[in-house]
Amino acid sequence: MPAKPGKRGPVIAPEISPEMREYIRESFSELRISTTCEGPILLPLRISPPKPMDHKFEVEGRTLYISAVQAPRIKRIDSSMLPKCALRKGRKC
């Protein structure tokens, strides 16, 4: 039996920590929060392209896409959502 389509109700924009606002502003591409087995992760669109059901938010002049699965659950965006390679100085994912 196919799954029922999800309800797409209004989603409140999550709080974004100051360091993540800076990261988003200085990012070389638009970003998307997607789902992994370890939880939500913030990735460039070249790695995780947006899907039609994603929620879009404007952050620091950039569009931030949040997967429909994660959007209702995320209350705060912070550095715990960055891939480990982004935390190393001088390296980009």
Protein backbone atom coordinates (compact mmCIF):
# COMPACT_ATOMS: atom_id res chain seq x y z
CA MET A 1 0.00 0.00 0.00
CA PRO A 2 1.52 3.39 -0.93
CA ALA A 3 2.22 5.89 1.80
CA LYS A 4 -0.19 8.75 2.29
CA PRO A 5 1.11 12.11 1.12
CA GLY A 6 2.35 14.23 4.00
CA LYS A 7 0.47 17.29 5.14
CA ARG A 8 2.36 20.44 4.30
CA GLY A 9 1.19 22.91 6.87
CA PRO A 10 2.87 26.12 7.91
CA VAL A 11 6.34 25.65 9.35
CA ILE A 12 7.83 28.24 11.67
CA ALA A 13 11.31 29.40 10.70
CA PRO A 14 13.84 27.90 13.11
CA GLU A 15 16.13 29.99 15.28
CA ILE A 16 19.61 30.25 13.76
CA SER A 17 22.71 30.70 15.90
CA PRO A 18 24.94 33.71 15.06
CA GLU A 19 27.85 31.51 13.94
CA MET A 20 25.56 29.61 11.57
CA ARG A 21 24.22 32.87 10.13
CA GLU A 22 27.82 33.81 9.36
CA TYR A 23 28.51 30.36 7.86
CA ILE A 24 25.43 30.64 5.62
CA ARG A 25 26.34 34.19 4.55
CA GLU A 26 29.92 33.19 3.65
CA SER A 27 28.94 29.91 2.00
CA PHE A 28 29.92 29.42 -1.64
CA SER A 29 26.49 27.97 -2.48
CA GLU A 30 22.89 27.73 -1.37
CA LEU A 31 22.40 25.14 1.38
CA ARG A 32 19.94 22.40 2.32
CA ILE A 33 19.25 20.64 5.59
CA SER A 34 18.63 17.01 4.80
CA THR A 35 18.17 13.81 6.75
CA THR A 36 20.93 11.33 7.56
CA CYS A 37 21.03 8.32 9.85
CA GLU A 38 22.73 10.55 12.43
CA GLY A 39 20.18 13.36 12.17
CA PRO A 40 19.87 16.60 10.19
CA ILE A 41 22.91 17.83 8.26
CA LEU A 42 23.57 21.09 6.40
CA LEU A 43 24.96 20.47 2.91
CA PRO A 44 25.59 22.47 -0.27
CA LEU A 45 23.01 21.98 -3.02
CA ARG A 46 25.59 20.28 -5.27
CA ILE A 47 25.67 17.42 -2.74
CA SER A 48 22.03 17.47 -1.66
CA PRO A 49 19.80 19.14 -4.30
CA PRO A 50 16.47 20.60 -3.17
CA LYS A 51 13.30 18.60 -3.56
CA PRO A 52 9.87 19.99 -4.50
CA MET A 53 8.49 19.47 -0.99
CA ASP A 54 11.36 21.31 0.76
CA HIS A 55 10.61 24.42 2.79
CA LYS A 56 12.53 27.54 1.75
CA PHE A 57 13.76 30.27 4.08
CA GLU A 58 15.77 33.40 3.30
CA VAL A 59 18.82 33.64 5.56
CA GLU A 60 21.50 36.32 5.16
CA GLY A 61 20.65 36.82 1.49
CA ARG A 62 20.74 33.09 0.74
CA THR A 63 18.01 30.52 0.32
CA LEU A 64 18.12 27.75 2.89
CA TYR A 65 16.17 24.64 1.95
CA ILE A 66 14.95 22.34 4.71
CA SER A 67 13.65 18.89 3.90
CA ALA A 68 9.96 18.34 4.52
CA VAL A 69 10.90 15.57 6.96
CA GLN A 70 13.14 17.85 9.06
CA ALA A 71 11.25 21.16 8.82
CA PRO A 72 8.54 20.43 11.43
CA ARG A 73 11.13 19.08 13.88
CA ILE A 74 13.93 21.65 13.72
CA LYS A 75 13.67 24.42 16.29
CA ARG A 76 17.27 25.65 16.12
CA ILE A 77 20.02 25.52 13.51
CA ASP A 78 23.49 25.32 15.02
CA SER A 79 26.97 23.96 14.29
CA SER A 80 25.94 20.41 15.24
CA MET A 81 24.35 20.24 11.74
CA LEU A 82 27.62 20.90 9.93
CA PRO A 83 29.48 18.01 8.31
CA LYS A 84 32.76 17.25 10.05
CA CYS A 85 34.81 18.51 7.09
CA ALA A 86 33.28 21.99 7.52
CA LEU A 87 34.57 22.16 11.09
CA ARG A 88 38.20 21.77 10.02
CA LYS A 89 39.90 25.11 9.38
CA GLY A 90 40.62 25.89 5.75
CA ARG A 91 38.66 22.99 4.28
CA LYS A 92 35.40 23.08 2.37
CA CYS A 93 33.09 20.16 1.79
